[in-house]
Amino acid sequence: MMFGSRWIFLAIFFFSFLTGQDCSEYEIELWDECFSVDSTLEIDLTGENISGQIPSSIGSLTNLVSLNLSANNLSGPIPPEIGDLVDLNYLYLQNNNLSGPIPPEIGNLTDLIGLKMYSNHLTGGIPVELGSLDSLQDLSLYLNNLTGEIPSELGSLTKLERLYLFRNELSGPIPSEIGSMSSLTHLFLHGNQLSGSIPSDIGNLTNLHSLYLYENALTGVIPSSIINLSNLSYLWIYDNQLTGEIPCNICEMSVEMDNISYVKITDNQFCPPYPDCVINNIGTQDTTWCASIPKRQFYLYDKCYIIEDTDSLNFANSGLSGPIPNEIGELVNLKYLFLYGNDFSGDIPSEIWNLDSLSHLYLYDNDLSGPIPSEIQNLTNLTHLFLQNNQFNGELPLELNALIELEYLYLNDNHFSGYMDSDICDLGIDWSNSLYFDLSNNYFCDPYPLCMDGQIGYQDTTNCASALSIIEEIPEKFALYDAYPNPFNPTVTIEYYLPEGSLLDVSIFDLSGRIVRNLFHGNREQGFGSMRWDGKDEMGRPIGAGAYLYSVRTENWSHTKKFVLLK
């Protein structure tokens, strides 16, 4: 009987030896070792050849600060209970055979500093919950089978220094929120299926040392903001579908652009001309579509200006001469254009009138000439117009009255002539204060708009054919005067007199009585008035040559006369 008991004891001992240690109720067994639930702070089983799955019971070690199970043969999913280890600073599961999705519960580990799960077989998307790990400095998920887009929530990781997501199957765009990762030094996104453009926000990553975006399907241009990456040493963007011109300011970066070890830009669709610093490192480029891609940068006086970055251009007092370069009109983001104090000559190039964002146009103290064209109406944001001390001539276009934001108007010391339309008084200029405008020393003809009474300055009226010169004294009743010039091309001036304030309508008709253009409808004060017509219909289209009628009507009076448009 005692002999049998001894064999039972030996069998139990042998079984305990085979199955692991006999852990206490305050311990859990993991891979044949006992770990105290209360006092275990670190587990490091790196390269211990452990296998099987990570047991869900690991979530009981709630005081754990570091868990390193890297370089083993672990398989199966990562248990969601790992999200219970809320004191964890380091979670290293790399170089195993783990599969399945990354559990979103990892987003509970807000004290994590390092999270490494690379070289596994993980699938599914990157959980948006990882954006909650605001202490994270290292996120390494490369060499897996992760799919979907990079979550924009990762942009919240402002302490992150290393983001390694390469060699997965990620798709979609690079989120612009990555530009908020102000501590990032290494951004490795290569070997995925990412598409779309490189976000300009990437220029905010001023601590970035290495930018690896190669072997994706990225399109669009290199953002000019890349110049801000002053600490960049490695720029690998080869084997994409990037297009357009390489930013000319890229040569100002400290990275060795001509060294293939540091910069790899081959196998894209970049268009010539290439900046000098990369011309020997450009490699193979598909330039098939370059002719159809609009230019985004222009050289002016030996300096390159990129459209999206240029809202101000200052060549004031620079000793420049000749015509104003047409290329200035291509910088469509311009708000401030300062060309004063030079020897520019000729007309203002027509391209300038396309700068619809322009608020300040300073061309004074030059030798510019020609009339102001009707296209000035395109500059709807213009607040400051300074054209004084030039050789401009002709009449002021009616379209000048469309610049409702205008606050300053300086046209003095030119050769402007003719009659100013009374609607100029409707501009936002403080006509009571001569600091806001100056039209003196021109050839403007009387009568002048009432808003300029006494502040028009000297005008040479030698060649004027003013309505007042036709009339010996101020009339006592309504009057419509002969339009001049008549015949006309391209503009004609209509003058009238109102003996009292009235609702006024001024319109142009063809000879069959169909309206061509309504020039004005509204209230007018007593006195002389004038309006100019540019030979265009209500849609702004030039009309054909021929005879037309102009009609001035008030509540109590109307009159119609005829004039002829020549072509």
Protein backbone atom coordinates (compact mmCIF):
# COMPACT_ATOMS: atom_id res chain seq x y z
CA MET A 1 0.00 0.00 0.00
CA MET A 2 2.85 2.37 0.96
CA PHE A 3 4.63 1.34 -2.22
CA GLY A 4 1.66 2.56 -4.30
CA SER A 5 1.49 5.93 -2.48
CA ARG A 6 5.12 6.57 -3.24
CA TRP A 7 4.52 6.02 -6.93
CA ILE A 8 1.54 8.41 -6.85
CA PHE A 9 3.75 11.13 -5.23
CA LEU A 10 6.46 10.61 -7.83
CA ALA A 11 3.91 10.81 -10.63
CA ILE A 12 2.56 14.14 -9.29
CA PHE A 13 6.09 15.52 -8.98
CA PHE A 14 6.96 14.38 -12.48
CA PHE A 15 3.75 15.93 -13.88
CA SER A 16 4.53 19.26 -12.16
CA PHE A 17 7.99 19.16 -13.63
CA LEU A 18 6.58 18.68 -17.12
CA THR A 19 3.85 21.33 -16.93
CA GLY A 20 5.78 24.11 -15.22
CA GLN A 21 6.07 25.67 -11.84
CA ASP A 22 3.40 25.47 -9.21
CA CYS A 23 2.47 29.22 -9.05
CA SER A 24 0.78 30.71 -5.99
CA GLU A 25 -2.62 32.35 -6.01
CA TYR A 26 -0.84 35.73 -6.28
CA GLU A 27 1.04 34.69 -9.40
CA ILE A 28 0.25 33.78 -12.97
CA GLU A 29 2.18 31.35 -15.09
CA LEU A 30 3.49 32.51 -18.45
CA TRP A 31 5.73 30.28 -20.53
CA ASP A 32 6.71 28.04 -17.63
CA GLU A 33 7.50 30.96 -15.35
CA CYS A 34 5.57 32.45 -12.44
CA PHE A 35 5.05 36.20 -12.36
CA SER A 36 3.73 38.11 -9.36
CA VAL A 37 0.55 40.00 -10.18
CA ASP A 38 1.45 42.81 -7.79
CA SER A 39 5.22 43.19 -8.04
CA THR A 40 6.16 42.31 -11.62
CA LEU A 41 7.28 45.51 -13.33
CA GLU A 42 9.26 44.16 -16.26
CA ILE A 43 9.18 41.07 -18.45
CA ASP A 44 11.99 40.56 -20.93
CA LEU A 45 11.85 37.25 -22.80
CA THR A 46 13.68 38.44 -25.90
CA GLY A 47 14.90 35.55 -28.04
CA GLU A 48 13.87 32.84 -25.58
CA ASN A 49 12.33 30.67 -28.30
CA ILE A 50 8.90 30.80 -26.68
CA SER A 51 5.94 29.85 -28.85
CA GLY A 52 2.21 29.63 -28.83
CA GLN A 53 -0.16 32.50 -28.26
CA ILE A 54 0.12 35.41 -25.88
CA PRO A 55 -2.33 34.39 -23.14
CA SER A 56 -5.13 36.78 -22.21
CA SER A 57 -4.11 36.36 -18.54
CA ILE A 58 -1.20 38.71 -19.22
CA GLY A 59 -3.68 41.51 -18.67
CA SER A 60 -3.59 40.69 -14.94
CA LEU A 61 -0.10 42.14 -14.55
CA THR A 62 -1.47 45.64 -14.16
CA ASN A 63 1.72 47.06 -12.64
CA LEU A 64 3.80 46.05 -15.64
CA VAL A 65 5.93 48.87 -17.04
CA SER A 66 7.86 47.04 -19.76
CA LEU A 67 6.89 43.97 -21.81
CA ASN A 68 9.43 42.65 -24.30
CA LEU A 69 8.50 39.43 -26.13
CA SER A 70 10.46 40.16 -29.30
CA ALA A 71 12.35 37.65 -31.48
CA ASN A 72 10.37 34.53 -30.55
CA ASN A 73 7.92 32.18 -32.27
CA LEU A 74 4.71 33.62 -30.88
CA SER A 75 1.68 33.24 -33.12
CA GLY A 76 -2.02 33.97 -33.16
CA PRO A 77 -3.69 37.25 -32.27
CA ILE A 78 -2.62 39.90 -29.81
CA PRO A 79 -5.13 39.58 -26.94
CA PRO A 80 -7.26 42.69 -26.31
CA GLU A 81 -6.56 42.25 -22.56
CA ILE A 82 -3.14 43.71 -23.23
CA GLY A 83 -4.96 47.03 -23.11
CA ASP A 84 -5.38 46.52 -19.34
CA LEU A 85 -1.67 47.16 -18.77
CA VAL A 86 -2.28 50.88 -18.33
CA ASP A 87 1.12 51.57 -16.70
CA LEU A 88 3.03 50.13 -19.63
CA ASN A 89 5.83 52.30 -21.07
CA TYR A 90 7.27 49.81 -23.55
CA LEU A 91 5.51 47.13 -25.57
CA TYR A 92 7.84 45.18 -27.85
CA LEU A 93 6.32 42.30 -29.85
CA GLN A 94 8.45 42.51 -33.00
CA ASN A 95 9.98 39.59 -34.90
CA ASN A 96 7.31 36.98 -34.18
CA ASN A 97 4.55 35.30 -36.17
CA LEU A 98 1.64 37.22 -34.67
CA SER A 99 -1.42 37.60 -36.87
CA GLY A 100 -4.82 39.24 -36.91
CA PRO A 101 -5.60 42.88 -36.22
CA ILE A 102 -3.95 45.27 -33.79
CA PRO A 103 -6.43 45.45 -30.90
CA PRO A 104 -7.83 48.97 -30.48
CA GLU A 105 -7.55 48.48 -26.70
CA ILE A 106 -3.88 49.37 -27.05
CA GLY A 107 -5.17 52.94 -27.23
CA ASN A 108 -5.71 52.67 -23.45
CA LEU A 109 -1.96 52.53 -22.84
CA THR A 110 -1.53 56.29 -22.68
CA ASP A 111 1.87 56.03 -20.92
CA LEU A 112 3.44 54.11 -23.82
CA ILE A 113 6.75 55.51 -25.01
CA GLY A 114 7.73 52.71 -27.38
CA LEU A 115 5.40 50.46 -29.41
CA LYS A 116 7.11 47.95 -31.71
CA MET A 117 5.20 45.26 -33.58
CA TYR A 118 7.21 45.03 -36.78
CA SER A 119 8.06 41.82 -38.65
CA ASN A 120 4.86 39.93 -37.92
CA HIS A 121 1.82 38.99 -39.98
CA LEU A 122 -0.60 41.56 -38.60
CA THR A 123 -3.57 42.47 -40.77
CA GLY A 124 -6.38 45.01 -40.82
CA GLY A 125 -6.08 48.74 -40.37
CA ILE A 126 -4.07 50.87 -38.00
CA PRO A 127 -6.46 51.59 -35.11
CA VAL A 128 -7.41 55.25 -34.81
CA GLU A 129 -7.13 54.72 -31.03
CA LEU A 130 -3.34 54.86 -31.37
CA GLY A 131 -3.81 58.61 -31.72
CA SER A 132 -4.47 58.69 -27.97
CA LEU A 133 -0.92 57.58 -27.09
CA ASP A 134 0.30 61.12 -26.56
CA SER A 135 3.52 60.01 -24.81
CA LEU A 136 4.61 57.81 -27.70
CA GLN A 137 8.06 58.40 -29.18
CA ASP A 138 8.51 55.30 -31.34
CA LEU A 139 5.79 53.61 -33.44
CA SER A 140 7.18 50.72 -35.48
CA LEU A 141 4.61 48.65 -37.40
CA TYR A 142 6.61 47.90 -40.54
CA LEU A 143 6.89 44.57 -42.35
CA ASN A 144 3.32 43.44 -41.71
CA ASN A 145 0.22 43.14 -43.87
CA LEU A 146 -1.62 46.19 -42.61
CA THR A 147 -4.17 47.73 -44.98
CA GLY A 148 -6.35 50.83 -45.23
CA GLU A 149 -5.39 54.45 -44.76
CA ILE A 150 -3.00 56.03 -42.31
CA PRO A 151 -5.32 57.46 -39.63
CA SER A 152 -5.31 61.23 -39.41
CA GLU A 153 -5.55 60.78 -35.63
CA LEU A 154 -1.84 59.94 -35.57
CA GLY A 155 -1.24 63.66 -36.07
CA SER A 156 -1.96 64.06 -32.34
CA LEU A 157 1.30 62.27 -31.47
CA THR A 158 3.34 65.42 -31.02
CA LYS A 159 6.10 63.60 -29.07
CA LEU A 160 6.58 60.92 -31.71
CA GLU A 161 10.11 60.84 -33.09
CA ARG A 162 10.04 57.71 -35.27
CA LEU A 163 7.12 56.60 -37.43
CA TYR A 164 7.91 53.37 -39.27
CA LEU A 165 4.99 52.06 -41.35
CA PHE A 166 6.91 50.83 -44.38
CA ARG A 167 6.47 47.52 -46.20
CA ASN A 168 2.76 47.11 -45.54
CA GLU A 169 -0.22 47.39 -47.88
CA LEU A 170 -1.38 50.82 -46.75
CA SER A 171 -3.28 52.92 -49.29
CA GLY A 172 -4.90 56.32 -49.67
CA PRO A 173 -3.29 59.71 -49.05
CA ILE A 174 -0.66 60.77 -46.57
CA PRO A 175 -2.79 62.68 -44.04
CA SER A 176 -1.94 66.35 -43.76
CA GLU A 177 -2.17 65.97 -39.97
CA ILE A 178 1.26 64.33 -40.06
CA GLY A 179 2.54 67.88 -40.26
CA SER A 180 1.53 68.31 -36.61
CA MET A 181 4.07 65.71 -35.41
CA SER A 182 6.52 68.41 -34.45
CA SER A 183 9.08 66.04 -32.86
CA LEU A 184 9.31 63.64 -35.80
CA THR A 185 12.86 62.84 -36.96
CA HIS A 186 12.26 59.70 -39.06
CA LEU A 187 9.26 59.20 -41.36
CA PHE A 188 9.39 55.88 -43.21
CA LEU A 189 6.28 55.20 -45.34
CA HIS A 190 7.93 53.50 -48.31
CA GLY A 191 6.88 50.24 -49.93
CA ASN A 192 3.12 50.75 -49.59
CA GLN A 193 0.35 51.73 -52.00
CA LEU A 194 -0.03 55.32 -50.88
CA SER A 195 -1.52 57.74 -53.40
CA GLY A 196 -2.36 61.42 -53.71
CA SER A 197 0.05 64.26 -53.21
CA ILE A 198 2.69 64.92 -50.59
CA PRO A 199 0.92 67.31 -48.19
CA SER A 200 2.45 70.76 -47.92
CA ASP A 201 2.10 70.43 -44.12
CA ILE A 202 5.09 68.12 -44.21
CA GLY A 203 7.15 71.32 -44.28
CA ASN A 204 6.23 71.80 -40.62
CA LEU A 205 8.44 68.85 -39.60
CA THR A 206 11.50 70.97 -39.00
CA ASN A 207 13.21 68.24 -36.93
CA LEU A 208 12.93 65.65 -39.70
CA HIS A 209 16.18 63.86 -40.52
CA SER A 210 14.98 61.13 -42.90
CA LEU A 211 12.01 61.17 -45.28
CA TYR A 212 11.41 57.88 -47.08
CA LEU A 213 8.36 57.85 -49.37
CA TYR A 214 9.69 55.75 -52.22
CA GLU A 215 7.92 52.84 -53.95
CA ASN A 216 4.38 54.14 -53.62
CA ALA A 217 1.91 55.67 -56.09
CA LEU A 218 2.22 59.29 -55.01
CA THR A 219 1.26 61.97 -57.52
CA GLY A 220 1.34 65.75 -57.76
CA VAL A 221 4.28 68.04 -57.14
CA ILE A 222 6.90 68.25 -54.43
CA PRO A 223 5.51 70.92 -52.08
CA SER A 224 7.67 74.00 -51.98
CA SER A 225 7.39 73.90 -48.18
CA ILE A 226 10.00 71.15 -48.25
CA ILE A 227 12.57 73.95 -48.03
CA ASN A 228 11.62 74.28 -44.34
CA LEU A 229 13.12 70.86 -43.52
CA SER A 230 16.41 72.38 -42.42
CA ASN A 231 17.61 69.21 -40.64
CA LEU A 232 16.88 66.81 -43.49
CA SER A 233 19.73 64.50 -44.51
CA TYR A 234 17.90 61.79 -46.47
CA LEU A 235 15.22 62.37 -49.11
CA TRP A 236 14.16 59.19 -50.88
CA ILE A 237 11.07 59.66 -53.04
CA TYR A 238 11.97 57.56 -56.06
CA ASP A 239 9.62 55.18 -57.89
CA ASN A 240 6.41 57.20 -57.59
CA GLN A 241 4.36 59.23 -60.08
CA LEU A 242 5.37 62.68 -58.88
CA THR A 243 5.06 65.34 -61.55
CA GLY A 244 5.76 68.95 -62.42
CA GLU A 245 8.76 71.07 -61.69
CA ILE A 246 11.06 70.36 -58.77
CA PRO A 247 10.87 73.45 -56.54
CA CYS A 248 13.68 75.78 -57.49
CA ASN A 249 14.29 76.63 -53.84
CA ILE A 250 15.22 73.01 -53.12
CA CYS A 251 18.84 73.94 -53.77
CA GLU A 252 18.79 76.10 -50.65
CA MET A 253 18.46 72.99 -48.44
CA SER A 254 21.44 71.60 -46.56
CA VAL A 255 20.89 68.04 -47.83
CA GLU A 256 23.40 66.88 -50.48
CA MET A 257 21.10 66.99 -53.49
CA ASP A 258 23.69 65.66 -55.92
CA ASN A 259 24.59 62.61 -53.79
CA ILE A 260 22.59 59.48 -54.65
CA SER A 261 23.26 58.09 -51.19
CA TYR A 262 21.23 60.90 -49.64
CA VAL A 263 18.77 61.95 -52.32
CA LYS A 264 16.92 59.55 -54.63
CA ILE A 265 14.35 61.11 -56.96
CA THR A 266 14.60 58.91 -60.04
CA ASP A 267 11.68 57.08 -61.71
CA ASN A 268 9.09 59.82 -61.42
CA GLN A 269 7.59 62.28 -63.91
CA PHE A 270 9.49 65.44 -63.03
CA CYS A 271 9.68 68.06 -65.77
CA PRO A 272 12.66 70.10 -66.94
CA PRO A 273 14.27 72.49 -66.44
CA TYR A 274 15.78 70.87 -63.36
CA PRO A 275 17.46 72.88 -60.60
CA ASP A 276 21.24 72.89 -60.93
CA CYS A 277 21.76 71.01 -57.67
CA VAL A 278 19.88 67.90 -58.89
CA ILE A 279 20.70 67.94 -62.58
CA ASN A 280 23.32 65.19 -62.13
CA ASN A 281 21.07 63.15 -59.85
CA ILE A 282 17.78 63.34 -61.75
CA GLY A 283 17.92 59.80 -63.12
CA THR A 284 15.12 58.51 -65.34
CA GLN A 285 12.00 60.68 -65.59
CA ASP A 286 8.86 60.21 -67.71
CA THR A 287 8.34 63.64 -69.29
CA THR A 288 5.49 62.57 -71.59
CA TRP A 289 2.92 64.90 -70.04
CA CYS A 290 5.18 67.83 -69.21
CA ALA A 291 3.83 70.00 -72.04
CA SER A 292 0.34 69.93 -70.51
CA ILE A 293 1.40 70.68 -66.93
CA PRO A 294 1.22 74.39 -66.01
CA LYS A 295 4.33 76.10 -64.75
CA ARG A 296 4.41 76.76 -61.04
CA GLN A 297 7.57 78.84 -60.74
CA PHE A 298 9.14 81.72 -62.62
CA TYR A 299 12.51 83.44 -62.65
CA LEU A 300 12.51 87.21 -62.24
CA TYR A 301 15.82 89.03 -62.22
CA ASP A 302 17.76 85.83 -61.50
CA LYS A 303 15.59 84.74 -58.61
CA CYS A 304 12.97 82.02 -58.69
CA TYR A 305 9.45 82.65 -57.38
CA ILE A 306 7.01 79.80 -56.73
CA ILE A 307 3.37 80.67 -57.35
CA GLU A 308 1.87 79.15 -54.22
CA ASP A 309 4.47 80.76 -51.96
CA THR A 310 4.50 84.27 -53.40
CA ASP A 311 1.95 86.76 -52.10
CA SER A 312 4.29 89.75 -52.10
CA LEU A 313 6.79 91.04 -54.65
CA ASN A 314 9.00 94.01 -53.82
CA PHE A 315 11.33 95.46 -56.47
CA ALA A 316 10.95 99.04 -55.25
CA ASN A 317 13.90 101.39 -55.87
CA SER A 318 15.92 98.60 -57.49
CA GLY A 319 17.26 100.48 -60.53
CA LEU A 320 15.26 98.32 -62.94
CA SER A 321 14.35 99.49 -66.45
CA GLY A 322 12.53 98.34 -69.56
CA PRO A 323 9.05 96.84 -69.60
CA ILE A 324 7.48 95.24 -66.53
CA PRO A 325 7.99 91.45 -66.96
CA ASN A 326 4.85 89.64 -68.09
CA GLU A 327 5.71 86.75 -65.76
CA ILE A 328 4.63 88.82 -62.77
CA GLY A 329 1.06 88.25 -63.91
CA GLU A 330 1.53 84.51 -63.48
CA LEU A 331 2.05 84.86 -59.72
CA VAL A 332 -1.66 84.64 -59.12
CA ASN A 333 -1.41 84.65 -55.31
CA LEU A 334 0.10 88.13 -55.25
CA LYS A 335 -1.51 90.55 -52.81
CA TYR A 336 1.24 93.17 -52.70
CA LEU A 337 3.14 94.41 -55.78
CA PHE A 338 5.75 97.13 -55.20
CA LEU A 339 7.55 98.27 -58.37
CA TYR A 340 7.86 101.99 -57.62
CA GLY A 341 11.00 104.09 -57.92
CA ASN A 342 12.45 102.44 -61.04
CA ASP A 343 12.67 103.23 -64.75
CA PHE A 344 10.03 100.83 -66.02
CA SER A 345 8.52 101.96 -69.33
CA GLY A 346 5.75 100.98 -71.72
CA ASP A 347 2.26 99.78 -70.89
CA ILE A 348 1.32 97.83 -67.80
CA PRO A 349 1.36 94.20 -69.07
CA SER A 350 -2.13 92.80 -69.52
CA GLU A 351 -1.25 89.81 -67.31
CA ILE A 352 -1.19 92.14 -64.27
CA TRP A 353 -4.96 92.54 -64.55
CA ASN A 354 -5.38 88.81 -63.84
CA LEU A 355 -4.06 89.21 -60.28
CA ASP A 356 -7.49 89.21 -58.69
CA SER A 357 -6.04 88.77 -55.17
CA LEU A 358 -4.05 92.00 -55.44
CA SER A 359 -4.77 94.57 -52.74
CA HIS A 360 -1.75 96.92 -53.11
CA LEU A 361 -0.48 98.06 -56.53
CA TYR A 362 2.41 100.56 -56.31
CA LEU A 363 3.78 101.58 -59.73
CA TYR A 364 4.56 105.22 -59.07
CA ASP A 365 7.77 107.05 -59.99
CA ASN A 366 8.44 105.20 -63.23
CA ASP A 367 8.11 106.03 -66.93
CA LEU A 368 5.03 103.90 -67.65
CA SER A 369 2.58 105.02 -70.33
CA GLY A 370 -0.64 104.12 -72.11
CA PRO A 371 -4.20 104.13 -70.81
CA ILE A 372 -5.64 102.18 -67.91
CA PRO A 373 -7.58 99.36 -69.59
CA SER A 374 -11.09 98.26 -68.67
CA GLU A 375 -9.63 95.01 -67.29
CA ILE A 376 -8.73 96.87 -64.12
CA GLN A 377 -12.19 95.84 -62.95
CA ASN A 378 -10.75 92.33 -62.36
CA LEU A 379 -8.81 93.63 -59.34
CA THR A 380 -11.85 93.48 -57.08
CA ASN A 381 -9.73 93.29 -53.90
CA LEU A 382 -7.66 96.36 -54.67
CA THR A 383 -7.44 98.86 -51.80
CA HIS A 384 -4.31 100.85 -52.75
CA LEU A 385 -3.70 102.11 -56.31
CA PHE A 386 -0.63 104.33 -56.67
CA LEU A 387 0.19 105.30 -60.30
CA GLN A 388 1.48 108.86 -59.84
CA ASN A 389 4.53 110.33 -61.57
CA ASN A 390 4.31 108.35 -64.80
CA GLN A 391 3.23 109.05 -68.37
CA PHE A 392 -0.21 107.41 -68.30
CA ASN A 393 -2.81 108.96 -70.62
CA GLY A 394 -6.35 108.60 -71.90
CA GLU A 395 -9.61 108.72 -70.02
CA LEU A 396 -10.27 106.84 -66.80
CA PRO A 397 -12.19 103.67 -67.66
CA LEU A 398 -15.71 103.32 -66.33
CA GLU A 399 -14.62 99.98 -64.90
CA LEU A 400 -12.51 101.81 -62.34
CA ASN A 401 -15.79 102.44 -60.53
CA ALA A 402 -16.11 98.68 -59.91
CA LEU A 403 -13.22 98.72 -57.42
CA ILE A 404 -15.51 99.07 -54.43
CA GLU A 405 -12.74 98.14 -51.94
CA LEU A 406 -10.51 101.02 -53.07
CA GLU A 407 -9.33 103.27 -50.22
CA TYR A 408 -6.37 105.12 -51.78
CA LEU A 409 -6.19 106.50 -55.34
CA TYR A 410 -3.11 108.41 -56.50
CA LEU A 411 -3.09 109.35 -60.22
CA ASN A 412 -1.40 112.72 -60.04
CA ASP A 413 1.35 113.94 -62.40
CA ASN A 414 0.30 111.95 -65.47
CA HIS A 415 -1.47 112.78 -68.74
CA PHE A 416 -4.97 111.53 -67.96
CA SER A 417 -7.66 113.49 -69.79
CA GLY A 418 -11.37 113.71 -70.49
CA TYR A 419 -14.26 113.67 -68.09
CA MET A 420 -14.49 111.66 -64.91
CA ASP A 421 -17.67 109.69 -64.40
CA SER A 422 -19.64 110.83 -61.38
CA ASP A 423 -19.94 107.22 -60.18
CA ILE A 424 -16.35 107.47 -59.04
CA CYS A 425 -17.79 109.11 -55.94
CA ASP A 426 -19.32 105.75 -54.97
CA LEU A 427 -15.90 104.24 -54.28
CA GLY A 428 -14.93 103.65 -50.66
CA ILE A 429 -12.46 106.54 -50.68
CA ASP A 430 -12.80 109.30 -48.10
CA TRP A 431 -13.16 112.12 -50.62
CA SER A 432 -13.25 114.68 -47.82
CA ASN A 433 -9.61 113.93 -46.95
CA SER A 434 -6.95 114.67 -49.57
CA LEU A 435 -4.58 112.21 -47.91
CA TYR A 436 -6.54 109.40 -49.55
CA PHE A 437 -6.44 110.61 -53.16
CA ASP A 438 -4.60 112.90 -55.55
CA LEU A 439 -5.59 113.52 -59.18
CA SER A 440 -3.77 116.80 -59.70
CA ASN A 441 -1.52 117.76 -62.62
CA ASN A 442 -3.46 115.96 -65.31
CA TYR A 443 -5.78 117.06 -68.15
CA PHE A 444 -9.17 116.25 -66.63
CA CYS A 445 -12.06 118.36 -67.84
CA ASP A 446 -14.70 120.27 -65.93
CA PRO A 447 -17.35 119.49 -64.64
CA TYR A 448 -15.70 117.39 -61.97
CA PRO A 449 -17.55 114.94 -59.73
CA LEU A 450 -19.11 116.69 -56.76
CA CYS A 451 -17.17 114.55 -54.27
CA MET A 452 -13.93 116.22 -55.47
CA ASP A 453 -15.22 119.74 -55.15
CA GLY A 454 -12.27 121.98 -54.41
CA GLN A 455 -9.76 119.13 -54.21
CA ILE A 456 -9.17 118.25 -57.85
CA GLY A 457 -5.92 120.24 -57.96
CA TYR A 458 -4.45 121.86 -61.03
CA GLN A 459 -5.70 120.53 -64.38
CA ASP A 460 -4.66 121.61 -67.87
CA THR A 461 -8.07 122.11 -69.57
CA THR A 462 -6.72 123.61 -72.81
CA ASN A 463 -8.20 120.86 -74.97
CA CYS A 464 -11.39 120.32 -73.01
CA ALA A 465 -14.83 120.66 -74.61
CA SER A 466 -16.71 120.87 -71.35
CA ALA A 467 -20.44 120.92 -71.19
CA LEU A 468 -20.15 124.10 -69.16
CA SER A 469 -18.37 125.84 -72.04
CA ILE A 470 -21.37 125.15 -74.23
CA ILE A 471 -23.78 126.65 -71.74
CA GLU A 472 -23.52 130.35 -70.95
CA GLU A 473 -25.16 129.88 -67.58
CA ILE A 474 -26.44 127.07 -65.43
CA PRO A 475 -29.76 125.92 -66.93
CA GLU A 476 -32.99 126.07 -65.02
CA LYS A 477 -34.44 122.84 -66.42
CA PHE A 478 -33.43 119.28 -67.31
CA ALA A 479 -30.83 119.00 -70.11
CA LEU A 480 -29.20 116.20 -72.13
CA TYR A 481 -26.10 117.30 -74.08
CA ASP A 482 -24.56 115.89 -77.23
CA ALA A 483 -22.39 112.88 -76.52
CA TYR A 484 -18.70 113.19 -77.38
CA PRO A 485 -16.81 112.14 -79.26
CA ASN A 486 -19.42 111.29 -81.87
CA PRO A 487 -18.73 109.06 -83.76
CA PHE A 488 -16.75 107.23 -81.06
CA ASN A 489 -14.44 104.25 -80.52
CA PRO A 490 -14.15 102.71 -78.00
CA THR A 491 -15.77 105.00 -75.38
CA VAL A 492 -18.24 107.85 -75.40
CA THR A 493 -19.22 110.37 -72.70
CA ILE A 494 -22.85 111.28 -71.96
CA GLU A 495 -23.54 114.49 -70.01
CA TYR A 496 -26.75 115.82 -68.47
CA TYR A 497 -28.04 118.40 -66.01
CA LEU A 498 -30.60 117.86 -63.23
CA PRO A 499 -32.17 121.03 -61.74
CA GLU A 500 -33.18 118.97 -58.71
CA GLY A 501 -32.37 115.62 -57.14
CA SER A 502 -34.24 112.80 -58.83
CA LEU A 503 -34.46 109.11 -59.60
CA LEU A 504 -32.38 108.75 -62.78
CA ASP A 505 -32.15 106.08 -65.47
CA VAL A 506 -29.50 106.15 -68.23
CA SER A 507 -29.76 103.45 -70.93
CA ILE A 508 -28.47 102.54 -74.37
CA PHE A 509 -30.82 101.17 -77.08
CA ASP A 510 -30.42 99.95 -80.63
CA LEU A 511 -32.47 101.62 -83.36
CA SER A 512 -35.25 99.04 -83.01
CA GLY A 513 -35.75 100.05 -79.37
CA ARG A 514 -34.18 96.97 -77.75
CA ILE A 515 -32.11 97.77 -74.68
CA VAL A 516 -28.37 97.19 -75.09
CA ARG A 517 -27.06 98.38 -71.73
CA ASN A 518 -28.40 100.05 -68.62
CA LEU A 519 -25.64 102.39 -67.46
CA PHE A 520 -27.33 103.64 -64.31
CA HIS A 521 -30.53 103.38 -62.28
CA GLY A 522 -30.73 105.17 -58.95
CA ASN A 523 -30.95 108.49 -57.21
CA ARG A 524 -28.83 111.46 -58.31
CA GLU A 525 -28.37 114.86 -56.68
CA GLN A 526 -28.99 118.18 -58.42
CA GLY A 527 -26.29 119.36 -60.81
CA PHE A 528 -24.25 118.33 -63.83
CA GLY A 529 -23.41 114.68 -64.31
CA SER A 530 -21.63 112.49 -66.81
CA MET A 531 -21.28 108.80 -67.61
CA ARG A 532 -19.14 106.91 -70.01
CA TRP A 533 -20.06 103.88 -72.12
CA ASP A 534 -17.47 101.43 -73.41
CA GLY A 535 -19.47 99.96 -76.30
CA LYS A 536 -20.32 96.73 -74.45
CA ASP A 537 -23.67 95.12 -73.68
CA GLU A 538 -25.03 93.94 -70.33
CA MET A 539 -22.90 90.78 -70.54
CA GLY A 540 -19.71 92.76 -71.09
CA ARG A 541 -19.50 91.76 -74.76
CA PRO A 542 -18.44 94.32 -77.42
CA ILE A 543 -21.33 95.23 -79.71
CA GLY A 544 -21.19 95.81 -83.45
CA ALA A 545 -20.58 99.13 -85.18
CA GLY A 546 -23.57 101.30 -86.03
CA ALA A 547 -25.97 103.92 -84.74
CA TYR A 548 -27.41 103.67 -81.21
CA LEU A 549 -29.70 105.71 -78.98
CA TYR A 550 -28.87 106.99 -75.51
CA SER A 551 -31.71 107.91 -73.21
CA VAL A 552 -31.79 109.84 -69.93
CA ARG A 553 -35.02 109.65 -67.91
CA THR A 554 -36.22 111.00 -64.59
CA GLU A 555 -39.59 110.76 -62.90
CA ASN A 556 -40.77 113.91 -64.69
CA TRP A 557 -38.62 114.14 -67.81
CA SER A 558 -36.92 112.09 -70.51
CA HIS A 559 -34.86 112.74 -73.61
CA THR A 560 -33.14 110.58 -76.24
CA LYS A 561 -30.30 111.29 -78.66
CA LYS A 562 -28.28 109.31 -81.18
CA PHE A 563 -24.59 108.52 -81.56
CA VAL A 564 -22.48 106.26 -83.81
CA LEU A 565 -20.02 103.53 -82.80
CA LEU A 566 -17.14 103.00 -85.21
CA LYS A 567 -14.98 99.87 -85.51
